[in-house]
Amino acid sequence: AFAATDKRLTGKGIDDGGGWMLHIPACYMGI
């Protein structure tokens, strides 16, 4: 599968601690 040169994602940026992953336990709490 082809990915253009500018579609290599650099991995730069700040560390957000992974807070966005709280969507996972939120799902199981809803169940």
PDB file of all heavy atoms in Angstrom:
ATOM      1  N   ALA A   1       0.845  -1.198   0.000  1.00  0.00           N
ATOM      2  CA  ALA A   1       0.000   0.000   0.000  1.00  0.00           C
ATOM      3  C   ALA A   1       0.881   1.250   0.000  1.00  0.00           C
ATOM      4  O   ALA A   1       1.907   1.310   0.680  1.00  0.00           O
ATOM      5  CB  ALA A   1      -0.905  -0.003   1.230  1.00  0.00           C
ATOM      6  N   PHE A   2       0.462   2.254  -0.766  1.00  0.00           N
ATOM      7  CA  PHE A   2       1.290   3.440  -0.947  1.00  0.00           C
ATOM      8  C   PHE A   2       0.928   4.528   0.052  1.00  0.00           C
ATOM      9  O   PHE A   2      -0.249   4.778   0.329  1.00  0.00           O
ATOM     10  CB  PHE A   2       1.126   3.992  -2.360  1.00  0.00           C
ATOM     11  CG  PHE A   2       1.969   5.205  -2.643  1.00  0.00           C
ATOM     12  CD1 PHE A   2       3.339   5.090  -2.825  1.00  0.00           C
ATOM     13  CD2 PHE A   2       1.380   6.455  -2.724  1.00  0.00           C
ATOM     14  CE1 PHE A   2       4.114   6.208  -3.090  1.00  0.00           C
ATOM     15  CE2 PHE A   2       2.143   7.578  -2.994  1.00  0.00           C
ATOM     16  CZ  PHE A   2       3.524   7.459  -3.173  1.00  0.00           C
ATOM     17  N   ALA A   3       1.959   5.156   0.612  1.00  0.00           N
ATOM     18  CA  ALA A   3       1.795   6.359   1.424  1.00  0.00           C
ATOM     19  C   ALA A   3       2.772   7.392   0.901  1.00  0.00           C
ATOM     20  O   ALA A   3       3.972   7.118   0.794  1.00  0.00           O
ATOM     21  CB  ALA A   3       2.059   6.071   2.897  1.00  0.00           C
ATOM     22  N   ALA A   4       2.258   8.557   0.553  1.00  0.00           N
ATOM     23  CA  ALA A   4       3.124   9.607   0.006  1.00  0.00           C
ATOM     24  C   ALA A   4       4.130  10.068   1.052  1.00  0.00           C
ATOM     25  O   ALA A   4       3.949   9.855   2.258  1.00  0.00           O
ATOM     26  CB  ALA A   4       2.268  10.791  -0.456  1.00  0.00           C
ATOM     27  N   THR A   5       5.177  10.699   0.577  1.00  0.00           N
ATOM     28  CA  THR A   5       6.253  11.143   1.464  1.00  0.00           C
ATOM     29  C   THR A   5       5.737  11.965   2.632  1.00  0.00           C
ATOM     30  O   THR A   5       6.161  11.772   3.783  1.00  0.00           O
ATOM     31  CB  THR A   5       7.277  11.977   0.667  1.00  0.00           C
ATOM     32  OG1 THR A   5       7.810  11.180  -0.390  1.00  0.00           O
ATOM     33  CG2 THR A   5       8.409  12.455   1.564  1.00  0.00           C
ATOM     34  N   ASP A   6       4.779  12.876   2.364  1.00  0.00           N
ATOM     35  CA  ASP A   6       4.280  13.738   3.434  1.00  0.00           C
ATOM     36  C   ASP A   6       3.271  13.041   4.341  1.00  0.00           C
ATOM     37  O   ASP A   6       2.763  13.643   5.289  1.00  0.00           O
ATOM     38  CB  ASP A   6       3.669  15.017   2.868  1.00  0.00           C
ATOM     39  CG  ASP A   6       2.448  14.746   1.992  1.00  0.00           C
ATOM     40  OD1 ASP A   6       2.189  13.568   1.669  1.00  0.00           O
ATOM     41  OD2 ASP A   6       1.752  15.720   1.630  1.00  0.00           O
ATOM     42  N   LYS A   7       2.994  11.756   4.061  1.00  0.00           N
ATOM     43  CA  LYS A   7       2.070  11.005   4.912  1.00  0.00           C
ATOM     44  C   LYS A   7       2.817  10.137   5.929  1.00  0.00           C
ATOM     45  O   LYS A   7       2.212   9.329   6.617  1.00  0.00           O
ATOM     46  CB  LYS A   7       1.136  10.142   4.055  1.00  0.00           C
ATOM     47  CG  LYS A   7       0.189  10.973   3.188  1.00  0.00           C
ATOM     48  CD  LYS A   7      -0.645  11.922   4.030  1.00  0.00           C
ATOM     49  CE  LYS A   7      -1.650  12.720   3.205  1.00  0.00           C
ATOM     50  NZ  LYS A   7      -1.040  13.849   2.500  1.00  0.00           N
ATOM     51  N   ARG A   8       4.128  10.301   5.982  1.00  0.00           N
ATOM     52  CA  ARG A   8       4.864   9.724   7.118  1.00  0.00           C
ATOM     53  C   ARG A   8       4.703  10.707   8.277  1.00  0.00           C
ATOM     54  O   ARG A   8       5.097  11.861   8.186  1.00  0.00           O
ATOM     55  CB  ARG A   8       6.340   9.533   6.786  1.00  0.00           C
ATOM     56  CG  ARG A   8       7.145   9.004   7.977  1.00  0.00           C
ATOM     57  CD  ARG A   8       8.601   8.778   7.621  1.00  0.00           C
ATOM     58  NE  ARG A   8       9.388   8.380   8.782  1.00  0.00           N
ATOM     59  CZ  ARG A   8      10.690   8.087   8.759  1.00  0.00           C
ATOM     60  NH1 ARG A   8      11.361   8.156   7.610  1.00  0.00           N
ATOM     61  NH2 ARG A   8      11.316   7.748   9.870  1.00  0.00           N
ATOM     62  N   LEU A   9       4.101  10.243   9.352  1.00  0.00           N
ATOM     63  CA  LEU A   9       3.749  11.117  10.458  1.00  0.00           C
ATOM     64  C   LEU A   9       4.908  11.164  11.440  1.00  0.00           C
ATOM     65  O   LEU A   9       5.334  10.135  11.960  1.00  0.00           O
ATOM     66  CB  LEU A   9       2.462  10.627  11.118  1.00  0.00           C
ATOM     67  CG  LEU A   9       1.317  10.433  10.110  1.00  0.00           C
ATOM     68  CD1 LEU A   9       0.132   9.743  10.757  1.00  0.00           C
ATOM     69  CD2 LEU A   9       0.900  11.768   9.509  1.00  0.00           C
ATOM     70  N   THR A  10       5.394  12.322  11.693  1.00  0.00           N
ATOM     71  CA  THR A  10       6.691  12.494  12.344  1.00  0.00           C
ATOM     72  C   THR A  10       6.744  12.021  13.786  1.00  0.00           C
ATOM     73  O   THR A  10       7.817  11.704  14.291  1.00  0.00           O
ATOM     74  CB  THR A  10       7.098  13.976  12.307  1.00  0.00           C
ATOM     75  OG1 THR A  10       6.097  14.755  12.974  1.00  0.00           O
ATOM     76  CG2 THR A  10       7.227  14.454  10.864  1.00  0.00           C
ATOM     77  N   GLY A  11       5.614  12.009  14.466  1.00  0.00           N
ATOM     78  CA  GLY A  11       5.650  11.598  15.862  1.00  0.00           C
ATOM     79  C   GLY A  11       6.088  12.691  16.810  1.00  0.00           C
ATOM     80  O   GLY A  11       6.390  12.452  17.972  1.00  0.00           O
ATOM     81  N   LYS A  12       6.147  13.928  16.324  1.00  0.00           N
ATOM     82  CA  LYS A  12       6.481  15.050  17.193  1.00  0.00           C
ATOM     83  C   LYS A  12       5.259  15.451  18.006  1.00  0.00           C
ATOM     84  O   LYS A  12       4.179  14.912  17.852  1.00  0.00           O
ATOM     85  CB  LYS A  12       6.973  16.230  16.349  1.00  0.00           C
ATOM     86  CG  LYS A  12       8.279  15.955  15.603  1.00  0.00           C
ATOM     87  CD  LYS A  12       8.687  17.156  14.776  1.00  0.00           C
ATOM     88  CE  LYS A  12       9.992  16.869  14.018  1.00  0.00           C
ATOM     89  NZ  LYS A  12      10.402  18.025  13.173  1.00  0.00           N
ATOM     90  N   GLY A  13       5.437  16.439  18.876  1.00  0.00           N
ATOM     91  CA  GLY A  13       4.324  16.897  19.691  1.00  0.00           C
ATOM     92  C   GLY A  13       4.551  16.621  21.154  1.00  0.00           C
ATOM     93  O   GLY A  13       5.551  16.018  21.543  1.00  0.00           O
ATOM     94  N   ILE A  14       3.600  17.057  21.975  1.00  0.00           N
ATOM     95  CA  ILE A  14       3.738  16.905  23.421  1.00  0.00           C
ATOM     96  C   ILE A  14       3.051  15.622  23.897  1.00  0.00           C
ATOM     97  O   ILE A  14       2.223  15.044  23.206  1.00  0.00           O
ATOM     98  CB  ILE A  14       3.139  18.118  24.148  1.00  0.00           C
ATOM     99  CG1 ILE A  14       1.624  18.226  23.863  1.00  0.00           C
ATOM    100  CG2 ILE A  14       3.848  19.403  23.741  1.00  0.00           C
ATOM    101  CD1 ILE A  14       0.927  19.295  24.678  1.00  0.00           C
ATOM    102  N   ASP A  15       3.399  15.201  25.103  1.00  0.00           N
ATOM    103  CA  ASP A  15       2.812  14.019  25.724  1.00  0.00           C
ATOM    104  C   ASP A  15       1.556  14.456  26.477  1.00  0.00           C
ATOM    105  O   ASP A  15       1.620  15.303  27.365  1.00  0.00           O
ATOM    106  CB  ASP A  15       3.828  13.390  26.676  1.00  0.00           C
ATOM    107  CG  ASP A  15       3.313  12.129  27.357  1.00  0.00           C
ATOM    108  OD1 ASP A  15       2.179  11.709  27.060  1.00  0.00           O
ATOM    109  OD2 ASP A  15       4.059  11.564  28.186  1.00  0.00           O
ATOM    110  N   ASP A  16       0.408  13.868  26.113  1.00  0.00           N
ATOM    111  CA  ASP A  16      -0.838  14.243  26.789  1.00  0.00           C
ATOM    112  C   ASP A  16      -1.236  13.247  27.867  1.00  0.00           C
ATOM    113  O   ASP A  16      -2.340  13.315  28.413  1.00  0.00           O
ATOM    114  CB  ASP A  16      -1.975  14.422  25.778  1.00  0.00           C
ATOM    115  CG  ASP A  16      -2.376  13.116  25.105  1.00  0.00           C
ATOM    116  OD1 ASP A  16      -1.709  12.079  25.319  1.00  0.00           O
ATOM    117  OD2 ASP A  16      -3.355  13.120  24.339  1.00  0.00           O
ATOM    118  N   GLY A  17      -0.353  12.305  28.179  1.00  0.00           N
ATOM    119  CA  GLY A  17      -0.638  11.343  29.233  1.00  0.00           C
ATOM    120  C   GLY A  17      -1.601  10.235  28.849  1.00  0.00           C
ATOM    121  O   GLY A  17      -1.868   9.338  29.642  1.00  0.00           O
ATOM    122  N   GLY A  18      -2.167  10.313  27.647  1.00  0.00           N
ATOM    123  CA  GLY A  18      -3.114   9.285  27.205  1.00  0.00           C
ATOM    124  C   GLY A  18      -4.509   9.444  27.776  1.00  0.00           C
ATOM    125  O   GLY A  18      -5.281   8.482  27.820  1.00  0.00           O
ATOM    126  N   GLY A  19      -4.857  10.666  28.184  1.00  0.00           N
ATOM    127  CA  GLY A  19      -6.176  10.869  28.772  1.00  0.00           C
ATOM    128  C   GLY A  19      -7.323  10.502  27.861  1.00  0.00           C
ATOM    129  O   GLY A  19      -8.375  10.047  28.319  1.00  0.00           O
ATOM    130  N   TRP A  20      -7.130  10.685  26.556  1.00  0.00           N
ATOM    131  CA  TRP A  20      -8.192  10.378  25.591  1.00  0.00           C
ATOM    132  C   TRP A  20      -8.660   8.928  25.682  1.00  0.00           C
ATOM    133  O   TRP A  20      -9.795   8.610  25.316  1.00  0.00           O
ATOM    134  CB  TRP A  20      -7.698  10.668  24.173  1.00  0.00           C
ATOM    135  CG  TRP A  20      -6.551   9.802  23.729  1.00  0.00           C
ATOM    136  CD1 TRP A  20      -5.227   9.977  24.003  1.00  0.00           C
ATOM    137  CD2 TRP A  20      -6.639   8.616  22.939  1.00  0.00           C
ATOM    138  NE1 TRP A  20      -4.476   8.974  23.433  1.00  0.00           N
ATOM    139  CE2 TRP A  20      -5.321   8.127  22.762  1.00  0.00           C
ATOM    140  CE3 TRP A  20      -7.699   7.922  22.338  1.00  0.00           C
ATOM    141  CZ2 TRP A  20      -5.032   6.968  22.036  1.00  0.00           C
ATOM    142  CZ3 TRP A  20      -7.425   6.768  21.606  1.00  0.00           C
ATOM    143  CH2 TRP A  20      -6.100   6.302  21.466  1.00  0.00           C
ATOM    144  N   MET A  21      -7.802   8.059  26.221  1.00  0.00           N
ATOM    145  CA  MET A  21      -8.172   6.639  26.294  1.00  0.00           C
ATOM    146  C   MET A  21      -9.202   6.339  27.389  1.00  0.00           C
ATOM    147  O   MET A  21      -9.655   5.198  27.521  1.00  0.00           O
ATOM    148  CB  MET A  21      -6.921   5.791  26.483  1.00  0.00           C
ATOM    149  CG  MET A  21      -6.005   5.836  25.268  1.00  0.00           C
ATOM    150  SD  MET A  21      -4.534   4.806  25.429  1.00  0.00           S
ATOM    151  CE  MET A  21      -5.262   3.178  25.268  1.00  0.00           C
ATOM    152  N   LEU A  22      -9.604   7.355  28.134  1.00  0.00           N
ATOM    153  CA  LEU A  22     -10.694   7.143  29.086  1.00  0.00           C
ATOM    154  C   LEU A  22     -12.016   6.842  28.387  1.00  0.00           C
ATOM    155  O   LEU A  22     -12.987   6.463  29.047  1.00  0.00           O
ATOM    156  CB  LEU A  22     -10.855   8.362  29.993  1.00  0.00           C
ATOM    157  CG  LEU A  22      -9.779   8.584  31.069  1.00  0.00           C
ATOM    158  CD1 LEU A  22     -10.164   9.757  31.961  1.00  0.00           C
ATOM    159  CD2 LEU A  22      -9.553   7.335  31.919  1.00  0.00           C
ATOM    160  N   HIS A  23     -12.056   7.012  27.070  1.00  0.00           N
ATOM    161  CA  HIS A  23     -13.271   6.591  26.358  1.00  0.00           C
ATOM    162  C   HIS A  23     -13.498   5.092  26.522  1.00  0.00           C
ATOM    163  O   HIS A  23     -14.647   4.626  26.428  1.00  0.00           O
ATOM    164  CB  HIS A  23     -13.177   6.954  24.872  1.00  0.00           C
ATOM    165  CG  HIS A  23     -12.397   6.002  24.024  1.00  0.00           C
ATOM    166  ND1 HIS A  23     -12.968   4.895  23.429  1.00  0.00           N
ATOM    167  CD2 HIS A  23     -11.085   5.967  23.654  1.00  0.00           C
ATOM    168  CE1 HIS A  23     -12.058   4.237  22.730  1.00  0.00           C
ATOM    169  NE2 HIS A  23     -10.909   4.867  22.854  1.00  0.00           N
ATOM    170  N   ILE A  24     -12.425   4.341  26.768  1.00  0.00           N
ATOM    171  CA  ILE A  24     -12.551   2.883  26.912  1.00  0.00           C
ATOM    172  C   ILE A  24     -13.306   2.523  28.192  1.00  0.00           C
ATOM    173  O   ILE A  24     -14.352   1.858  28.130  1.00  0.00           O
ATOM    174  CB  ILE A  24     -11.168   2.212  26.843  1.00  0.00           C
ATOM    175  CG1 ILE A  24     -10.540   2.431  25.469  1.00  0.00           C
ATOM    176  CG2 ILE A  24     -11.274   0.719  27.154  1.00  0.00           C
ATOM    177  CD1 ILE A  24      -9.080   1.997  25.377  1.00  0.00           C
ATOM    178  N   PRO A  25     -12.833   2.935  29.371  1.00  0.00           N
ATOM    179  CA  PRO A  25     -13.627   2.610  30.562  1.00  0.00           C
ATOM    180  C   PRO A  25     -15.009   3.252  30.558  1.00  0.00           C
ATOM    181  O   PRO A  25     -15.955   2.663  31.114  1.00  0.00           O
ATOM    182  CB  PRO A  25     -12.766   3.138  31.720  1.00  0.00           C
ATOM    183  CG  PRO A  25     -11.816   4.099  31.111  1.00  0.00           C
ATOM    184  CD  PRO A  25     -11.560   3.591  29.731  1.00  0.00           C
ATOM    185  N   ALA A  26     -15.160   4.418  29.939  1.00  0.00           N
ATOM    186  CA  ALA A  26     -16.486   5.031  29.868  1.00  0.00           C
ATOM    187  C   ALA A  26     -17.476   4.107  29.174  1.00  0.00           C
ATOM    188  O   ALA A  26     -18.644   4.002  29.576  1.00  0.00           O
ATOM    189  CB  ALA A  26     -16.407   6.370  29.131  1.00  0.00           C
ATOM    190  N   CYS A  27     -17.004   3.427  28.146  1.00  0.00           N
ATOM    191  CA  CYS A  27     -17.856   2.484  27.422  1.00  0.00           C
ATOM    192  C   CYS A  27     -18.318   1.347  28.339  1.00  0.00           C
ATOM    193  O   CYS A  27     -19.504   1.018  28.389  1.00  0.00           O
ATOM    194  CB  CYS A  27     -17.089   1.937  26.212  1.00  0.00           C
ATOM    195  SG  CYS A  27     -17.960   0.632  25.323  1.00  0.00           S
ATOM    196  N   TYR A  28     -17.394   0.790  29.090  1.00  0.00           N
ATOM    197  CA  TYR A  28     -17.756  -0.347  29.949  1.00  0.00           C
ATOM    198  C   TYR A  28     -18.603   0.084  31.139  1.00  0.00           C
ATOM    199  O   TYR A  28     -19.435  -0.685  31.631  1.00  0.00           O
ATOM    200  CB  TYR A  28     -16.491  -1.097  30.359  1.00  0.00           C
ATOM    201  CG  TYR A  28     -15.826  -1.697  29.141  1.00  0.00           C
ATOM    202  CD1 TYR A  28     -14.667  -1.152  28.599  1.00  0.00           C
ATOM    203  CD2 TYR A  28     -16.422  -2.762  28.471  1.00  0.00           C
ATOM    204  CE1 TYR A  28     -14.101  -1.662  27.436  1.00  0.00           C
ATOM    205  CE2 TYR A  28     -15.872  -3.280  27.307  1.00  0.00           C
ATOM    206  CZ  TYR A  28     -14.722  -2.720  26.796  1.00  0.00           C
ATOM    207  OH  TYR A  28     -14.187  -3.225  25.636  1.00  0.00           O
ATOM    208  N   MET A  29     -18.424   1.323  31.581  1.00  0.00           N
ATOM    209  CA  MET A  29     -19.309   1.835  32.615  1.00  0.00           C
ATOM    210  C   MET A  29     -20.725   1.969  32.089  1.00  0.00           C
ATOM    211  O   MET A  29     -21.704   1.691  32.801  1.00  0.00           O
ATOM    212  CB  MET A  29     -18.784   3.180  33.123  1.00  0.00           C
ATOM    213  CG  MET A  29     -19.581   3.781  34.265  1.00  0.00           C
ATOM    214  SD  MET A  29     -19.894   2.646  35.642  1.00  0.00           S
ATOM    215  CE  MET A  29     -18.228   2.154  36.088  1.00  0.00           C
ATOM    216  N   GLY A  30     -20.877   2.394  30.841  1.00  0.00           N
ATOM    217  CA  GLY A  30     -22.203   2.502  30.253  1.00  0.00           C
ATOM    218  C   GLY A  30     -22.910   1.160  30.186  1.00  0.00           C
ATOM    219  O   GLY A  30     -24.119   1.052  30.455  1.00  0.00           O
ATOM    220  N   ILE A  31     -22.164   0.109  29.836  1.00  0.00           N
ATOM    221  CA  ILE A  31     -22.739  -1.238  29.798  1.00  0.00           C
ATOM    222  C   ILE A  31     -23.172  -1.660  31.198  1.00  0.00           C
ATOM    223  O   ILE A  31     -24.262  -2.224  31.394  1.00  0.00           O
ATOM    224  CB  ILE A  31     -21.720  -2.235  29.220  1.00  0.00           C
ATOM    225  CG1 ILE A  31     -21.410  -1.891  27.765  1.00  0.00           C
ATOM    226  CG2 ILE A  31     -22.237  -3.672  29.337  1.00  0.00           C
ATOM    227  CD1 ILE A  31     -20.237  -2.678  27.189  1.00  0.00           C
TER     228      ILE A  31
END
